[in-house]
Amino acid sequence: MTYTARRLADMLDGEVSWLSVRTASAVPSPDWISCAELLKDQQAGGDPTYGWRKALLDDYGREYAIEPPLQVAAMFVLMWYVSVPSIVAGLSTALTGLSPDVSPESLAFRKHPTAHYPMEVALLSERLVPVGEAAQQVNEHTRAFTDSYSPGVKLSSRQKRGAVDDELRAAFRLPEEALQAAAAASVFQIDLDQEIRTSCCFFYALPNVNPCGGCPRVRV
């Protein structure tokens, strides 16, 4: 079967109920976030995710009537950002053995207006890559983010890099029929039998909130 970026976008769009994927020749509109521009700003010492984190903190503050811990929003924003290349590459390679180009220059996303997670992704390149190159692109893209991410609270390297592995593992497990999932996960060095997440979202730190399923803080 011959695949194109548009065909893969359509496949991903049909697999994930909360995420829309499309192709585009450029960043669609000003309310979209260019991964390349965000990373350029962050690596230059800026804090391009400050507004993103603050919106979450403000929501948590209103909902729980407290000053919410910084690490909750910091971790959610990290997980959401790295999920963009991870879900696109992980799900695509699980389904087909190929992936759209997921380098920063080739991806943009738009956040949900009230829930704040990435709800739309634009593939800005027509290029498709084999699974080995996709794994390399995900590693380089996400590491560029995690290595330069400075959200005002300490996050361990295990937390940061573990979030990438967790997002990839979830992506490989997502399709009901993913004939290439095991082979792709092996190339990405992801253990599909791992039940407990490597990273923690810290959601438990909010009042009267229980740890999530698969939380590394809860081991049977």
N, C-alpha and C. Protein backbone atom coordinates (compact mmCIF):
# COMPACT_ATOMS: atom_id res chain seq x y z
N MET A 1 0.84 -1.19 0.00
CA MET A 1 0.00 0.00 0.00
C MET A 1 0.88 1.25 0.00
N THR A 2 0.51 2.24 -0.77
CA THR A 2 1.25 3.49 -0.83
C THR A 2 0.65 4.49 0.15
N TYR A 3 1.52 5.07 0.95
CA TYR A 3 1.07 6.04 1.94
C TYR A 3 1.57 7.44 1.60
N THR A 4 0.81 8.42 1.97
CA THR A 4 1.20 9.83 1.87
C THR A 4 0.96 10.47 3.23
N ALA A 5 1.49 11.67 3.41
CA ALA A 5 1.26 12.38 4.67
C ALA A 5 -0.23 12.60 4.89
N ARG A 6 -0.96 12.95 3.83
CA ARG A 6 -2.40 13.16 3.97
C ARG A 6 -3.12 11.88 4.37
N ARG A 7 -2.71 10.76 3.79
CA ARG A 7 -3.35 9.49 4.14
C ARG A 7 -3.09 9.14 5.60
N LEU A 8 -1.84 9.34 6.04
CA LEU A 8 -1.54 9.05 7.44
C LEU A 8 -2.30 10.00 8.37
N ALA A 9 -2.41 11.27 7.98
CA ALA A 9 -3.18 12.22 8.79
C ALA A 9 -4.62 11.75 8.95
N ASP A 10 -5.21 11.28 7.86
CA ASP A 10 -6.58 10.79 7.91
C ASP A 10 -6.69 9.56 8.81
N MET A 11 -5.68 8.67 8.76
CA MET A 11 -5.69 7.49 9.61
C MET A 11 -5.60 7.87 11.08
N LEU A 12 -4.71 8.79 11.40
CA LEU A 12 -4.56 9.22 12.79
C LEU A 12 -5.82 9.93 13.27
N ASP A 13 -6.40 10.74 12.40
CA ASP A 13 -7.61 11.47 12.74
C ASP A 13 -8.74 10.53 13.13
N GLY A 14 -8.77 9.37 12.50
CA GLY A 14 -9.82 8.41 12.79
C GLY A 14 -9.55 7.54 14.00
N GLU A 15 -8.29 7.50 14.46
CA GLU A 15 -7.92 6.63 15.57
C GLU A 15 -8.05 7.31 16.93
N VAL A 16 -7.89 8.61 16.98
CA VAL A 16 -7.84 9.32 18.26
C VAL A 16 -9.02 10.27 18.35
N SER A 17 -9.94 10.00 19.28
CA SER A 17 -11.17 10.79 19.36
C SER A 17 -10.93 12.23 19.79
N TRP A 18 -9.89 12.46 20.57
CA TRP A 18 -9.68 13.81 21.13
C TRP A 18 -8.62 14.60 20.38
N LEU A 19 -8.10 14.04 19.29
CA LEU A 19 -7.05 14.73 18.53
C LEU A 19 -7.38 14.72 17.05
N SER A 20 -7.33 15.89 16.44
CA SER A 20 -7.53 16.02 15.00
C SER A 20 -6.18 16.26 14.33
N VAL A 21 -5.92 15.56 13.24
CA VAL A 21 -4.65 15.67 12.52
C VAL A 21 -4.94 16.03 11.08
N ARG A 22 -4.20 17.00 10.56
CA ARG A 22 -4.38 17.44 9.18
C ARG A 22 -3.01 17.73 8.56
N THR A 23 -2.97 17.87 7.26
CA THR A 23 -1.78 18.36 6.59
C THR A 23 -1.97 19.85 6.29
N ALA A 24 -0.86 20.57 6.21
CA ALA A 24 -0.91 22.00 5.90
C ALA A 24 0.43 22.41 5.32
N SER A 25 0.40 23.40 4.47
CA SER A 25 1.64 23.89 3.86
C SER A 25 2.37 24.87 4.76
N ALA A 26 1.67 25.40 5.79
CA ALA A 26 2.27 26.34 6.74
C ALA A 26 1.45 26.29 8.01
N VAL A 27 1.95 26.92 9.07
CA VAL A 27 1.18 27.00 10.32
C VAL A 27 -0.17 27.63 9.99
N PRO A 28 -1.29 26.95 10.31
CA PRO A 28 -2.59 27.36 9.80
C PRO A 28 -3.05 28.77 10.16
N SER A 29 -2.82 29.21 11.40
CA SER A 29 -3.30 30.54 11.80
C SER A 29 -2.54 30.97 13.06
N PRO A 30 -2.69 32.24 13.47
CA PRO A 30 -1.91 32.74 14.60
C PRO A 30 -2.17 32.02 15.92
N ASP A 31 -3.32 31.37 16.08
CA ASP A 31 -3.57 30.69 17.35
C ASP A 31 -2.97 29.29 17.39
N TRP A 32 -2.28 28.91 16.32
CA TRP A 32 -1.54 27.65 16.31
C TRP A 32 -0.12 27.89 16.80
N ILE A 33 0.49 26.85 17.35
CA ILE A 33 1.84 26.94 17.90
C ILE A 33 2.79 26.15 17.02
N SER A 34 3.79 26.83 16.49
CA SER A 34 4.84 26.16 15.73
C SER A 34 5.82 25.52 16.69
N CYS A 35 6.04 24.22 16.58
CA CYS A 35 7.01 23.55 17.45
C CYS A 35 8.40 24.16 17.28
N ALA A 36 8.76 24.47 16.04
CA ALA A 36 10.08 25.04 15.78
C ALA A 36 10.24 26.39 16.46
N GLU A 37 9.22 27.25 16.39
CA GLU A 37 9.32 28.57 16.98
C GLU A 37 9.32 28.50 18.50
N LEU A 38 8.50 27.60 19.06
CA LEU A 38 8.49 27.44 20.51
C LEU A 38 9.86 27.00 21.01
N LEU A 39 10.45 26.02 20.35
CA LEU A 39 11.76 25.53 20.77
C LEU A 39 12.84 26.58 20.59
N LYS A 40 12.76 27.34 19.51
CA LYS A 40 13.75 28.39 19.28
C LYS A 40 13.73 29.40 20.43
N ASP A 41 12.54 29.79 20.83
CA ASP A 41 12.38 30.73 21.94
C ASP A 41 12.89 30.13 23.24
N GLN A 42 12.49 28.89 23.52
CA GLN A 42 12.87 28.24 24.78
C GLN A 42 14.37 28.01 24.86
N GLN A 43 14.98 27.58 23.77
CA GLN A 43 16.42 27.32 23.78
C GLN A 43 17.23 28.61 23.86
N ALA A 44 16.60 29.75 23.52
CA ALA A 44 17.27 31.04 23.64
C ALA A 44 17.10 31.64 25.04
N GLY A 45 16.46 30.89 25.95
CA GLY A 45 16.28 31.35 27.31
C GLY A 45 14.92 31.91 27.63
N GLY A 46 14.02 31.90 26.66
CA GLY A 46 12.66 32.37 26.89
C GLY A 46 11.81 31.33 27.61
N ASP A 47 10.60 31.71 27.91
CA ASP A 47 9.66 30.81 28.60
C ASP A 47 8.34 30.80 27.83
N PRO A 48 8.34 30.21 26.64
CA PRO A 48 7.15 30.28 25.78
C PRO A 48 5.94 29.51 26.31
N THR A 49 6.14 28.64 27.29
CA THR A 49 5.00 27.89 27.84
C THR A 49 4.46 28.52 29.12
N TYR A 50 4.96 29.70 29.49
CA TYR A 50 4.49 30.33 30.74
C TYR A 50 2.98 30.53 30.73
N GLY A 51 2.46 31.12 29.65
CA GLY A 51 1.03 31.36 29.58
C GLY A 51 0.21 30.08 29.61
N TRP A 52 0.74 29.05 29.01
CA TRP A 52 0.09 27.73 28.99
C TRP A 52 -0.02 27.20 30.42
N ARG A 53 1.11 27.24 31.15
CA ARG A 53 1.13 26.75 32.53
C ARG A 53 0.23 27.62 33.42
N LYS A 54 0.28 28.94 33.22
CA LYS A 54 -0.51 29.83 34.06
C LYS A 54 -2.01 29.59 33.87
N ALA A 55 -2.43 29.33 32.64
CA ALA A 55 -3.84 29.04 32.40
C ALA A 55 -4.29 27.82 33.19
N LEU A 56 -3.44 26.79 33.24
CA LEU A 56 -3.75 25.60 34.02
C LEU A 56 -3.81 25.91 35.51
N LEU A 57 -2.78 26.63 35.99
CA LEU A 57 -2.74 26.98 37.42
C LEU A 57 -3.96 27.81 37.82
N ASP A 58 -4.35 28.74 36.97
CA ASP A 58 -5.52 29.56 37.27
C ASP A 58 -6.78 28.70 37.35
N ASP A 59 -6.90 27.75 36.44
CA ASP A 59 -8.06 26.86 36.46
C ASP A 59 -8.08 26.03 37.73
N TYR A 60 -6.92 25.44 38.08
CA TYR A 60 -6.85 24.63 39.30
C TYR A 60 -7.12 25.47 40.54
N GLY A 61 -6.62 26.70 40.55
CA GLY A 61 -6.85 27.57 41.68
C GLY A 61 -8.33 27.86 41.89
N ARG A 62 -9.05 28.11 40.79
CA ARG A 62 -10.49 28.36 40.89
C ARG A 62 -11.24 27.10 41.31
N GLU A 63 -10.85 25.97 40.74
CA GLU A 63 -11.59 24.73 41.00
C GLU A 63 -11.37 24.22 42.42
N TYR A 64 -10.14 24.33 42.92
CA TYR A 64 -9.82 23.73 44.22
C TYR A 64 -9.65 24.78 45.32
N ALA A 65 -9.79 26.06 44.99
CA ALA A 65 -9.70 27.14 45.97
C ALA A 65 -8.40 27.10 46.75
N ILE A 66 -7.30 26.87 46.05
CA ILE A 66 -5.98 26.85 46.65
C ILE A 66 -5.00 27.53 45.69
N GLU A 67 -3.79 27.74 46.17
CA GLU A 67 -2.71 28.10 45.27
C GLU A 67 -2.06 26.79 44.83
N PRO A 68 -2.33 26.33 43.61
CA PRO A 68 -1.93 24.97 43.22
C PRO A 68 -0.42 24.84 43.10
N PRO A 69 0.10 23.65 43.39
CA PRO A 69 1.54 23.40 43.26
C PRO A 69 2.00 23.60 41.82
N LEU A 70 3.14 24.27 41.65
CA LEU A 70 3.65 24.55 40.31
C LEU A 70 3.93 23.29 39.51
N GLN A 71 4.32 22.22 40.21
CA GLN A 71 4.74 21.03 39.46
C GLN A 71 3.60 20.36 38.71
N VAL A 72 2.36 20.61 39.13
CA VAL A 72 1.23 19.96 38.43
C VAL A 72 1.12 20.51 37.01
N ALA A 73 1.02 21.82 36.89
CA ALA A 73 0.93 22.43 35.56
C ALA A 73 2.21 22.21 34.77
N ALA A 74 3.36 22.28 35.43
CA ALA A 74 4.64 22.08 34.75
C ALA A 74 4.70 20.70 34.10
N MET A 75 4.22 19.70 34.81
CA MET A 75 4.30 18.34 34.28
C MET A 75 3.26 18.10 33.19
N PHE A 76 2.07 18.65 33.37
CA PHE A 76 1.05 18.46 32.34
C PHE A 76 1.48 19.10 31.02
N VAL A 77 2.03 20.30 31.09
CA VAL A 77 2.47 20.97 29.87
C VAL A 77 3.60 20.19 29.21
N LEU A 78 4.52 19.68 30.01
CA LEU A 78 5.60 18.86 29.44
C LEU A 78 5.01 17.63 28.74
N MET A 79 4.12 16.92 29.42
CA MET A 79 3.53 15.72 28.82
C MET A 79 2.76 16.04 27.55
N TRP A 80 2.04 17.13 27.57
CA TRP A 80 1.24 17.49 26.40
C TRP A 80 2.14 17.88 25.23
N TYR A 81 3.21 18.63 25.51
CA TYR A 81 4.07 19.01 24.39
C TYR A 81 4.73 17.77 23.77
N VAL A 82 5.35 16.92 24.59
CA VAL A 82 6.06 15.78 24.01
C VAL A 82 5.10 14.78 23.38
N SER A 83 3.81 14.86 23.75
CA SER A 83 2.84 13.95 23.14
C SER A 83 2.63 14.25 21.66
N VAL A 84 2.89 15.48 21.24
CA VAL A 84 2.62 15.84 19.84
C VAL A 84 3.48 15.00 18.89
N PRO A 85 4.82 15.04 18.96
CA PRO A 85 5.58 14.16 18.08
C PRO A 85 5.45 12.69 18.45
N SER A 86 5.28 12.40 19.74
CA SER A 86 5.23 11.00 20.18
C SER A 86 3.99 10.28 19.68
N ILE A 87 2.83 10.92 19.78
CA ILE A 87 1.60 10.27 19.32
C ILE A 87 1.60 10.13 17.80
N VAL A 88 2.02 11.18 17.11
CA VAL A 88 2.04 11.11 15.64
C VAL A 88 2.95 9.98 15.16
N ALA A 89 4.17 9.94 15.69
CA ALA A 89 5.13 8.92 15.24
C ALA A 89 4.76 7.54 15.77
N GLY A 90 4.39 7.45 17.04
CA GLY A 90 4.08 6.16 17.63
C GLY A 90 2.88 5.49 16.99
N LEU A 91 1.82 6.24 16.84
CA LEU A 91 0.60 5.68 16.25
C LEU A 91 0.80 5.35 14.78
N SER A 92 1.47 6.22 14.05
CA SER A 92 1.69 5.98 12.62
C SER A 92 2.53 4.73 12.39
N THR A 93 3.62 4.59 13.14
CA THR A 93 4.49 3.43 12.93
C THR A 93 3.82 2.15 13.42
N ALA A 94 2.96 2.26 14.44
CA ALA A 94 2.23 1.08 14.89
C ALA A 94 1.27 0.59 13.82
N LEU A 95 0.70 1.52 13.07
CA LEU A 95 -0.27 1.16 12.04
C LEU A 95 0.37 0.76 10.71
N THR A 96 1.46 1.44 10.35
CA THR A 96 1.99 1.29 8.99
C THR A 96 3.48 0.99 8.90
N GLY A 97 4.23 1.22 9.98
CA GLY A 97 5.69 1.10 9.91
C GLY A 97 6.35 2.37 9.37
N LEU A 98 5.56 3.38 9.04
CA LEU A 98 6.06 4.67 8.57
C LEU A 98 5.51 5.77 9.46
N SER A 99 6.14 6.94 9.38
CA SER A 99 5.68 8.08 10.16
C SER A 99 5.81 9.35 9.33
N PRO A 100 4.93 10.31 9.54
CA PRO A 100 5.20 11.64 9.01
C PRO A 100 6.49 12.18 9.64
N ASP A 101 7.11 13.13 9.00
CA ASP A 101 8.25 13.83 9.58
C ASP A 101 7.77 14.53 10.86
N VAL A 102 8.41 14.22 12.00
CA VAL A 102 8.00 14.83 13.27
C VAL A 102 9.11 15.71 13.85
N SER A 103 10.00 16.19 13.00
CA SER A 103 10.98 17.17 13.44
C SER A 103 10.24 18.46 13.78
N PRO A 104 10.81 19.33 14.60
CA PRO A 104 10.09 20.54 15.02
C PRO A 104 9.58 21.40 13.87
N GLU A 105 10.35 21.49 12.79
CA GLU A 105 9.94 22.32 11.66
C GLU A 105 8.71 21.76 10.93
N SER A 106 8.39 20.52 11.22
CA SER A 106 7.32 19.85 10.47
C SER A 106 6.02 19.69 11.25
N LEU A 107 5.95 20.27 12.45
CA LEU A 107 4.76 20.11 13.28
C LEU A 107 4.30 21.44 13.87
N ALA A 108 3.00 21.59 13.94
CA ALA A 108 2.37 22.69 14.67
C ALA A 108 1.14 22.13 15.36
N PHE A 109 0.69 22.80 16.40
CA PHE A 109 -0.50 22.30 17.10
C PHE A 109 -1.31 23.46 17.65
N ARG A 110 -2.56 23.16 17.95
CA ARG A 110 -3.47 24.13 18.54
C ARG A 110 -4.06 23.55 19.81
N LYS A 111 -4.09 24.35 20.88
CA LYS A 111 -4.57 23.88 22.17
C LYS A 111 -6.09 23.99 22.26
N HIS A 112 -6.67 23.11 23.07
CA HIS A 112 -8.09 23.21 23.39
C HIS A 112 -8.30 24.52 24.16
N PRO A 113 -9.36 25.27 23.84
CA PRO A 113 -9.52 26.60 24.45
C PRO A 113 -9.78 26.60 25.95
N THR A 114 -10.31 25.51 26.49
CA THR A 114 -10.58 25.47 27.93
C THR A 114 -9.85 24.35 28.65
N ALA A 115 -9.60 23.23 27.98
CA ALA A 115 -8.91 22.11 28.63
C ALA A 115 -7.39 22.17 28.42
N HIS A 116 -6.95 22.96 27.42
CA HIS A 116 -5.54 23.32 27.24
C HIS A 116 -4.64 22.26 26.62
N TYR A 117 -5.12 21.04 26.41
CA TYR A 117 -4.28 20.02 25.78
C TYR A 117 -4.24 20.24 24.26
N PRO A 118 -3.23 19.72 23.58
CA PRO A 118 -3.21 19.83 22.10
C PRO A 118 -4.38 19.06 21.50
N MET A 119 -5.25 19.76 20.80
CA MET A 119 -6.41 19.09 20.23
C MET A 119 -6.32 18.96 18.71
N GLU A 120 -5.41 19.72 18.09
CA GLU A 120 -5.21 19.63 16.66
C GLU A 120 -3.72 19.68 16.35
N VAL A 121 -3.31 18.85 15.40
CA VAL A 121 -1.92 18.82 14.96
C VAL A 121 -1.89 19.01 13.45
N ALA A 122 -0.98 19.83 12.99
CA ALA A 122 -0.78 20.02 11.55
C ALA A 122 0.56 19.42 11.14
N LEU A 123 0.52 18.59 10.12
CA LEU A 123 1.74 18.04 9.52
C LEU A 123 2.17 19.01 8.42
N LEU A 124 3.31 19.63 8.58
CA LEU A 124 3.74 20.69 7.68
C LEU A 124 4.67 20.21 6.58
N SER A 125 4.96 18.92 6.56
CA SER A 125 5.83 18.34 5.54
C SER A 125 5.14 17.15 4.90
N GLU A 126 5.39 16.95 3.63
CA GLU A 126 4.86 15.79 2.93
C GLU A 126 5.74 14.56 3.11
N ARG A 127 6.88 14.74 3.74
CA ARG A 127 7.87 13.68 3.86
C ARG A 127 7.43 12.60 4.85
N LEU A 128 7.62 11.36 4.47
CA LEU A 128 7.42 10.22 5.36
C LEU A 128 8.77 9.60 5.67
N VAL A 129 8.90 9.04 6.88
CA VAL A 129 10.19 8.47 7.29
C VAL A 129 9.95 7.06 7.81
N PRO A 130 10.95 6.16 7.69
CA PRO A 130 10.84 4.82 8.25
C PRO A 130 10.93 4.87 9.77
N VAL A 131 10.62 3.75 10.39
CA VAL A 131 10.49 3.73 11.84
C VAL A 131 11.78 4.11 12.55
N GLY A 132 12.93 3.70 12.04
CA GLY A 132 14.19 4.05 12.68
C GLY A 132 14.43 5.54 12.70
N GLU A 133 14.15 6.20 11.59
CA GLU A 133 14.32 7.65 11.54
C GLU A 133 13.28 8.35 12.39
N ALA A 134 12.07 7.80 12.44
CA ALA A 134 11.03 8.38 13.29
C ALA A 134 11.45 8.35 14.75
N ALA A 135 12.04 7.23 15.18
CA ALA A 135 12.51 7.13 16.57
C ALA A 135 13.57 8.17 16.86
N GLN A 136 14.47 8.38 15.91
CA GLN A 136 15.52 9.38 16.09
C GLN A 136 14.92 10.78 16.15
N GLN A 137 13.96 11.07 15.28
CA GLN A 137 13.32 12.39 15.29
C GLN A 137 12.59 12.65 16.60
N VAL A 138 11.86 11.66 17.09
CA VAL A 138 11.15 11.84 18.36
C VAL A 138 12.14 12.11 19.49
N ASN A 139 13.22 11.33 19.52
CA ASN A 139 14.21 11.53 20.56
C ASN A 139 14.81 12.94 20.50
N GLU A 140 15.21 13.36 19.32
CA GLU A 140 15.85 14.68 19.18
C GLU A 140 14.86 15.81 19.45
N HIS A 141 13.64 15.68 18.95
CA HIS A 141 12.63 16.72 19.13
C HIS A 141 12.27 16.86 20.61
N THR A 142 11.94 15.75 21.25
CA THR A 142 11.51 15.82 22.64
C THR A 142 12.67 16.21 23.56
N ARG A 143 13.87 15.76 23.25
CA ARG A 143 15.02 16.13 24.08
C ARG A 143 15.31 17.63 23.97
N ALA A 144 15.12 18.19 22.78
CA ALA A 144 15.29 19.64 22.63
C ALA A 144 14.34 20.38 23.57
N PHE A 145 13.13 19.83 23.75
CA PHE A 145 12.18 20.46 24.65
C PHE A 145 12.55 20.20 26.11
N THR A 146 12.73 18.94 26.49
CA THR A 146 12.94 18.62 27.90
C THR A 146 14.25 19.20 28.43
N ASP A 147 15.29 19.25 27.60
CA ASP A 147 16.58 19.76 28.06
C ASP A 147 16.55 21.27 28.29
N SER A 148 15.67 21.98 27.61
CA SER A 148 15.61 23.44 27.74
C SER A 148 14.41 23.92 28.56
N TYR A 149 13.57 23.00 29.00
CA TYR A 149 12.34 23.34 29.73
C TYR A 149 12.68 23.79 31.14
N SER A 150 12.28 24.99 31.50
CA SER A 150 12.57 25.54 32.83
C SER A 150 11.29 26.17 33.38
N PRO A 151 10.42 25.34 33.97
CA PRO A 151 9.09 25.83 34.38
C PRO A 151 9.03 26.43 35.78
N GLY A 152 10.17 26.71 36.39
CA GLY A 152 10.16 27.33 37.70
C GLY A 152 10.05 26.35 38.85
N VAL A 153 10.12 25.06 38.56
CA VAL A 153 10.09 24.02 39.58
C VAL A 153 10.94 22.87 39.07
N LYS A 154 11.64 22.19 39.96
CA LYS A 154 12.55 21.13 39.54
C LYS A 154 11.78 19.88 39.10
N LEU A 155 12.13 19.38 37.95
CA LEU A 155 11.62 18.10 37.45
C LEU A 155 12.83 17.24 37.14
N SER A 156 12.83 16.02 37.62
CA SER A 156 13.99 15.15 37.41
C SER A 156 14.07 14.71 35.95
N SER A 157 15.26 14.29 35.55
CA SER A 157 15.43 13.77 34.20
C SER A 157 14.58 12.52 33.99
N ARG A 158 14.38 11.73 35.04
CA ARG A 158 13.51 10.55 34.93
C ARG A 158 12.07 10.98 34.64
N GLN A 159 11.63 12.03 35.28
CA GLN A 159 10.30 12.55 35.02
C GLN A 159 10.18 13.03 33.58
N LYS A 160 11.14 13.83 33.15
CA LYS A 160 11.08 14.43 31.83
C LYS A 160 11.15 13.38 30.72
N ARG A 161 12.16 12.53 30.77
CA ARG A 161 12.33 11.54 29.71
C ARG A 161 11.32 10.40 29.85
N GLY A 162 10.93 10.11 31.09
CA GLY A 162 9.93 9.07 31.30
C GLY A 162 8.60 9.44 30.68
N ALA A 163 8.29 10.74 30.66
CA ALA A 163 7.04 11.19 30.04
C ALA A 163 7.01 10.86 28.56
N VAL A 164 8.15 10.95 27.90
CA VAL A 164 8.22 10.62 26.47
C VAL A 164 7.94 9.14 26.28
N ASP A 165 8.59 8.30 27.07
CA ASP A 165 8.35 6.85 26.96
C ASP A 165 6.89 6.52 27.24
N ASP A 166 6.30 7.17 28.23
CA ASP A 166 4.90 6.90 28.56
C ASP A 166 3.97 7.29 27.42
N GLU A 167 4.23 8.43 26.79
CA GLU A 167 3.39 8.86 25.67
C GLU A 167 3.54 7.92 24.48
N LEU A 168 4.76 7.48 24.22
CA LEU A 168 4.98 6.53 23.12
C LEU A 168 4.28 5.21 23.40
N ARG A 169 4.41 4.72 24.63
CA ARG A 169 3.78 3.44 24.98
C ARG A 169 2.27 3.53 24.79
N ALA A 170 1.69 4.63 25.22
CA ALA A 170 0.24 4.82 25.05
C ALA A 170 -0.13 4.85 23.57
N ALA A 171 0.71 5.49 22.75
CA ALA A 171 0.42 5.57 21.32
C ALA A 171 0.47 4.21 20.65
N PHE A 172 1.46 3.40 21.01
CA PHE A 172 1.57 2.06 20.42
C PHE A 172 0.39 1.17 20.82
N ARG A 173 -0.15 1.39 21.99
CA ARG A 173 -1.25 0.57 22.49
C ARG A 173 -2.61 1.04 22.00
N LEU A 174 -2.66 2.23 21.44
CA LEU A 174 -3.95 2.87 21.13
C LEU A 174 -4.76 2.15 20.05
N PRO A 175 -4.18 1.78 18.91
CA PRO A 175 -5.01 1.17 17.85
C PRO A 175 -5.52 -0.21 18.25
N GLU A 176 -6.74 -0.51 17.86
CA GLU A 176 -7.28 -1.84 18.11
C GLU A 176 -6.55 -2.88 17.27
N GLU A 177 -6.20 -2.51 16.06
CA GLU A 177 -5.44 -3.40 15.19
C GLU A 177 -4.17 -2.68 14.74
N ALA A 178 -3.07 -3.05 15.35
CA ALA A 178 -1.79 -2.40 15.04
C ALA A 178 -0.76 -3.50 14.78
N LEU A 179 -0.70 -3.95 13.55
CA LEU A 179 0.16 -5.08 13.22
C LEU A 179 1.63 -4.77 13.37
N GLN A 180 1.98 -3.47 13.29
CA GLN A 180 3.39 -3.09 13.37
C GLN A 180 3.78 -2.60 14.77
N ALA A 181 2.87 -2.65 15.73
CA ALA A 181 3.13 -2.02 17.04
C ALA A 181 4.33 -2.64 17.75
N ALA A 182 4.39 -3.96 17.81
CA ALA A 182 5.48 -4.61 18.56
C ALA A 182 6.83 -4.31 17.92
N ALA A 183 6.89 -4.38 16.59
CA ALA A 183 8.14 -4.11 15.91
C ALA A 183 8.55 -2.65 16.08
N ALA A 184 7.59 -1.74 15.97
CA ALA A 184 7.90 -0.32 16.13
C ALA A 184 8.35 -0.02 17.55
N ALA A 185 7.65 -0.59 18.54
CA ALA A 185 8.02 -0.35 19.93
C ALA A 185 9.45 -0.83 20.21
N SER A 186 9.83 -1.93 19.59
CA SER A 186 11.19 -2.43 19.76
C SER A 186 12.22 -1.44 19.24
N VAL A 187 11.94 -0.84 18.09
CA VAL A 187 12.87 0.15 17.53
C VAL A 187 12.96 1.37 18.43
N PHE A 188 11.82 1.79 18.99
CA PHE A 188 11.79 2.94 19.89
C PHE A 188 12.29 2.59 21.29
N GLN A 189 12.56 1.31 21.53
CA GLN A 189 13.01 0.81 22.83
C GLN A 189 11.97 1.06 23.92
N ILE A 190 10.73 0.73 23.58
CA ILE A 190 9.61 0.87 24.50
C ILE A 190 9.11 -0.52 24.88
N ASP A 191 8.97 -0.77 26.18
CA ASP A 191 8.46 -2.03 26.70
C ASP A 191 6.94 -1.96 26.78
N LEU A 192 6.27 -2.68 25.90
CA LEU A 192 4.81 -2.64 25.88
C LEU A 192 4.19 -3.41 27.04
N ASP A 193 4.97 -4.21 27.74
CA ASP A 193 4.44 -4.96 28.88
C ASP A 193 4.50 -4.16 30.18
N GLN A 194 5.13 -3.00 30.15
CA GLN A 194 5.22 -2.20 31.37
C GLN A 194 3.85 -1.65 31.74
N GLU A 195 3.40 -1.95 32.94
CA GLU A 195 2.07 -1.53 33.39
C GLU A 195 2.08 -0.18 34.09
N ILE A 196 3.16 0.11 34.83
CA ILE A 196 3.25 1.33 35.62
C ILE A 196 3.96 2.41 34.80
N ARG A 197 3.42 3.60 34.81
CA ARG A 197 4.06 4.71 34.12
C ARG A 197 5.43 5.00 34.73
N THR A 198 6.33 5.52 33.93
CA THR A 198 7.63 5.94 34.44
C THR A 198 7.53 7.31 35.08
N SER A 199 6.75 8.20 34.50
CA SER A 199 6.60 9.57 35.01
C SER A 199 5.31 9.71 35.81
N CYS A 200 5.26 10.80 36.59
CA CYS A 200 4.08 11.10 37.40
C CYS A 200 3.58 12.49 37.02
N CYS A 201 2.28 12.65 36.89
CA CYS A 201 1.71 13.95 36.53
C CYS A 201 1.50 14.86 37.73
N PHE A 202 1.66 14.33 38.94
CA PHE A 202 1.51 15.08 40.19
C PHE A 202 0.08 15.54 40.46
N PHE A 203 -0.88 15.01 39.73
CA PHE A 203 -2.27 15.42 39.93
C PHE A 203 -2.74 15.11 41.35
N TYR A 204 -2.15 14.10 41.96
CA TYR A 204 -2.51 13.69 43.32
C TYR A 204 -2.26 14.83 44.32
N ALA A 205 -1.40 15.81 43.96
CA ALA A 205 -1.05 16.90 44.87
C ALA A 205 -2.20 17.88 45.07
N LEU A 206 -3.24 17.79 44.25
CA LEU A 206 -4.41 18.65 44.41
C LEU A 206 -5.34 18.07 45.48
N PRO A 207 -6.13 18.88 46.15
CA PRO A 207 -6.97 18.39 47.25
C PRO A 207 -7.96 17.31 46.82
N ASN A 208 -8.02 16.25 47.62
CA ASN A 208 -9.00 15.17 47.45
C ASN A 208 -8.93 14.51 46.09
N VAL A 209 -7.73 14.45 45.51
CA VAL A 209 -7.52 13.80 44.22
C VAL A 209 -6.68 12.55 44.44
N ASN A 210 -7.16 11.44 43.92
CA ASN A 210 -6.42 10.19 44.03
C ASN A 210 -5.41 10.05 42.90
N PRO A 211 -4.34 9.29 43.10
CA PRO A 211 -3.38 9.06 42.02
C PRO A 211 -4.05 8.41 40.81
N CYS A 212 -3.55 8.72 39.65
CA CYS A 212 -4.09 8.17 38.41
C CYS A 212 -3.82 6.67 38.32
N GLY A 213 -4.56 5.99 37.47
CA GLY A 213 -4.27 4.60 37.20
C GLY A 213 -2.91 4.45 36.55
N GLY A 214 -2.11 3.51 37.02
CA GLY A 214 -0.77 3.33 36.49
C GLY A 214 0.26 4.27 37.08
N CYS A 215 -0.13 5.05 38.10
CA CYS A 215 0.78 6.01 38.71
C CYS A 215 1.97 5.27 39.33
N PRO A 216 3.20 5.75 39.12
CA PRO A 216 4.35 5.08 39.73
C PRO A 216 4.39 5.19 41.23
N ARG A 217 3.56 6.06 41.83
CA ARG A 217 3.50 6.18 43.27
C ARG A 217 2.61 5.12 43.91
N VAL A 218 1.88 4.39 43.09
CA VAL A 218 0.99 3.34 43.59
C VAL A 218 1.43 2.03 42.96
N ARG A 219 2.10 1.22 43.71
CA ARG A 219 2.56 -0.06 43.19
C ARG A 219 1.91 -1.19 43.98
N VAL A 220 1.36 -2.13 43.22
CA VAL A 220 0.66 -3.24 43.87
C VAL A 220 1.70 -4.23 44.39
